[in-house]
């Protein structure tokens, strides 16, 4: 008789856990079974909400100006890097002209193609296949972005978070009116 009750208790435990799992899956993981804290930052009064709203607006404006400044800086430096590649190509052709190997446009095109083939051969020997050339160029761009943006790489997300918090403050201020 006790053996039967022991089996029944395991079945109840399994059914209960299955029921909890079904509820969790049905809510698409949005049920937080942990501690539920209700943070109401603006319980105190309307002035505190207005003060927070003004501070957030100033911070948002500062971050947006920083973002435009960093974007302009990146675009300028990236343009300078691309311009340097073009200048290197021009110096290569000028050097060939000074040596006397380039006499006309056809020679310049042929030597440019030869330089590209040599560059592709070195790329193939270094990276193993030709598709990694595009990855290498993207890596240069990404390293340049990391160098310029630095600690502000996630400024877009923080701007969006501040915009949402400003909207929350506006709703709170309207609630107190």
Protein backbone atom coordinates (compact mmCIF):
# COMPACT_ATOMS: atom_id res chain seq x y z
CA UNK A 1 0.00 0.00 0.00
CA UNK A 2 2.82 2.47 0.79
CA UNK A 3 4.48 1.55 -2.50
CA UNK A 4 1.33 2.70 -4.34
CA UNK A 5 1.29 6.09 -2.53
CA UNK A 6 4.98 6.63 -3.28
CA UNK A 7 4.30 6.12 -7.00
CA UNK A 8 1.31 8.49 -6.85
CA UNK A 9 3.36 11.28 -5.28
CA UNK A 10 5.97 11.06 -8.06
CA UNK A 11 3.22 11.25 -10.66
CA UNK A 12 1.79 14.36 -8.97
CA UNK A 13 5.21 16.00 -8.84
CA UNK A 14 5.83 15.25 -12.52
CA UNK A 15 2.38 16.57 -13.47
CA UNK A 16 2.95 19.74 -11.47
CA UNK A 17 6.33 20.35 -13.11
CA UNK A 18 4.79 19.63 -16.52
CA UNK A 19 2.03 22.14 -15.75
CA UNK A 20 4.64 24.80 -14.80
CA UNK A 21 6.57 24.07 -17.99
CA UNK A 22 3.42 24.46 -20.11
CA UNK A 23 2.63 27.80 -18.45
CA UNK A 24 6.19 29.02 -19.02
CA UNK A 25 6.22 27.96 -22.68
CA UNK A 26 2.76 29.40 -23.28
CA UNK A 27 3.91 32.76 -21.98
CA UNK A 28 6.95 32.59 -24.33
CA UNK A 29 9.35 32.84 -21.43
CA UNK A 30 7.99 36.14 -20.15
CA UNK A 31 6.98 34.77 -16.79
CA UNK A 32 9.57 35.72 -14.21
CA UNK A 33 9.41 33.18 -11.43
CA UNK A 34 12.15 35.02 -9.51
CA UNK A 35 11.71 38.04 -7.35
CA UNK A 36 9.29 40.61 -8.64
CA UNK A 37 10.30 44.07 -7.56
CA UNK A 38 8.06 46.94 -8.41
CA UNK A 39 10.25 49.98 -8.94
CA UNK A 40 8.28 53.16 -9.05
CA UNK A 41 10.94 55.86 -9.27
CA UNK A 42 8.50 58.71 -9.43
CA UNK A 43 6.30 57.96 -6.43
CA UNK A 44 7.58 60.97 -4.59
CA UNK A 45 6.22 63.85 -6.60
CA UNK A 46 5.87 65.60 -9.89
CA UNK A 47 8.99 67.76 -9.41
CA UNK A 48 11.23 64.73 -9.17
CA UNK A 49 9.81 63.41 -12.44
CA UNK A 50 10.29 66.80 -14.12
CA UNK A 51 13.85 67.02 -12.84
CA UNK A 52 14.64 63.51 -14.16
CA UNK A 53 12.98 64.38 -17.47
CA UNK A 54 15.09 67.53 -17.89
CA UNK A 55 18.31 65.68 -17.02
CA UNK A 56 17.49 62.94 -19.51
CA UNK A 57 16.74 65.47 -22.24
CA UNK A 58 20.10 67.17 -21.67
CA UNK A 59 21.92 63.83 -21.64
CA UNK A 60 20.14 62.71 -24.80
CA UNK A 61 21.05 65.91 -26.60
CA UNK A 62 24.68 65.54 -25.52
CA UNK A 63 24.83 61.93 -26.73
CA UNK A 64 23.22 62.76 -30.07
CA UNK A 65 25.75 65.54 -30.71
CA UNK A 66 28.55 63.15 -29.75
CA UNK A 67 27.17 60.55 -32.15
CA UNK A 68 27.06 63.01 -35.06
CA UNK A 69 30.57 64.21 -34.21
CA UNK A 70 31.94 60.65 -34.14
CA UNK A 71 30.12 59.74 -37.35
CA UNK A 72 31.61 62.75 -39.13
CA UNK A 73 35.06 61.88 -37.79
CA UNK A 74 34.74 58.27 -38.97
CA UNK A 75 33.57 59.31 -42.42
CA UNK A 76 36.48 61.75 -42.79
CA UNK A 77 39.11 59.28 -41.63
CA UNK A 78 37.67 56.44 -43.71
CA UNK A 79 37.70 58.74 -46.75
CA UNK A 80 41.33 59.61 -45.96
CA UNK A 81 42.27 55.92 -45.76
CA UNK A 82 40.64 55.23 -49.13
CA UNK A 83 42.33 58.31 -50.57
CA UNK A 84 45.69 57.02 -49.27
CA UNK A 85 45.16 53.77 -51.17
CA UNK A 86 44.51 55.75 -54.34
CA UNK A 87 47.60 57.90 -53.71
CA UNK A 88 49.70 54.74 -53.23
CA UNK A 89 48.42 53.43 -56.56
CA UNK A 90 49.23 56.77 -58.20
CA UNK A 91 52.72 56.79 -56.68
CA UNK A 92 53.22 53.24 -57.93
CA UNK A 93 52.33 54.33 -61.47
CA UNK A 94 54.44 57.48 -61.18
CA UNK A 95 57.39 55.40 -60.03
CA UNK A 96 56.96 53.10 -62.99
CA UNK A 97 56.78 56.14 -65.27
CA UNK A 98 60.00 57.55 -63.80
CA UNK A 99 61.73 54.21 -64.33
CA UNK A 100 60.55 54.23 -67.91
CA UNK A 101 58.35 51.14 -67.83
CA UNK A 102 55.13 53.10 -68.41
CA UNK A 103 54.97 55.08 -71.65
CA UNK A 104 51.23 55.21 -72.36
CA UNK A 105 47.83 54.38 -70.85
CA UNK A 106 47.98 50.75 -71.98
CA UNK A 107 51.20 50.19 -70.04
CA UNK A 108 49.66 51.82 -66.93
CA UNK A 109 46.62 49.53 -67.13
CA UNK A 110 48.81 46.44 -67.66
CA UNK A 111 51.04 47.25 -64.68
CA UNK A 112 47.99 48.03 -62.54
CA UNK A 113 46.52 44.64 -63.42
CA UNK A 114 49.85 43.00 -62.63
CA UNK A 115 49.92 44.71 -59.23
CA UNK A 116 46.38 43.51 -58.52
CA UNK A 117 47.32 39.96 -59.49
CA UNK A 118 50.39 40.07 -57.23
CA UNK A 119 48.25 41.42 -54.40
CA UNK A 120 45.69 38.65 -54.93
CA UNK A 121 48.47 36.04 -55.00
CA UNK A 122 49.85 37.32 -51.68
CA UNK A 123 46.31 37.34 -50.28
CA UNK A 124 45.75 33.77 -51.47
CA UNK A 125 49.04 32.61 -49.94
CA UNK A 126 48.30 34.42 -46.69
CA UNK A 127 44.60 33.65 -46.15
CA UNK A 128 44.03 30.52 -48.23
CA UNK A 129 41.27 31.67 -50.55
CA UNK A 130 40.19 34.74 -52.45
CA UNK A 131 36.91 35.29 -50.61
CA UNK A 132 38.86 36.31 -47.51
CA UNK A 133 40.02 39.46 -49.29
CA UNK A 134 36.61 41.02 -48.71
CA UNK A 135 36.74 39.88 -45.08
CA UNK A 136 40.19 41.49 -44.75
CA UNK A 137 38.91 44.80 -46.12
CA UNK A 138 35.92 44.65 -43.77
CA UNK A 139 38.32 43.93 -40.90
CA UNK A 140 40.25 47.11 -41.73
CA UNK A 141 37.00 49.08 -41.70
CA UNK A 142 35.91 47.48 -38.41
CA UNK A 143 39.24 48.20 -36.70
CA UNK A 144 39.00 51.79 -37.87
CA UNK A 145 35.48 52.03 -36.45
CA UNK A 146 36.62 50.58 -33.12
CA UNK A 147 39.53 53.00 -32.99
CA UNK A 148 37.28 56.02 -33.62
CA UNK A 149 34.15 55.03 -31.72
CA UNK A 150 36.03 53.39 -28.83
CA UNK A 151 33.91 53.26 -25.70
CA UNK A 152 30.94 54.84 -27.49
CA UNK A 153 30.38 51.85 -29.80
CA UNK A 154 26.93 51.24 -28.26
CA UNK A 155 25.79 54.86 -28.27
CA UNK A 156 22.83 54.05 -30.56
CA UNK A 157 21.33 51.67 -28.00
CA UNK A 158 21.84 54.09 -25.13
CA UNK A 159 20.17 56.87 -27.14
CA UNK A 160 17.16 54.63 -27.73
CA UNK A 161 17.06 53.69 -24.02
CA UNK A 162 17.10 57.35 -23.03
CA UNK A 163 14.30 58.15 -25.49
CA UNK A 164 12.17 55.41 -23.95
CA UNK A 165 12.93 56.68 -20.45
CA UNK A 166 12.00 60.22 -21.50
CA UNK A 167 8.66 58.91 -22.73
CA UNK A 168 8.18 57.15 -19.38
CA UNK A 169 8.93 60.40 -17.57
CA UNK A 170 6.42 62.26 -19.75
CA UNK A 171 3.74 59.71 -18.94
CA UNK A 172 4.54 60.02 -15.24
CA UNK A 173 4.37 63.81 -15.38
CA UNK A 174 1.02 63.62 -17.15
CA UNK A 175 -0.19 61.17 -14.53
CA UNK A 176 0.51 63.71 -11.78
CA UNK A 177 -1.35 66.50 -13.62
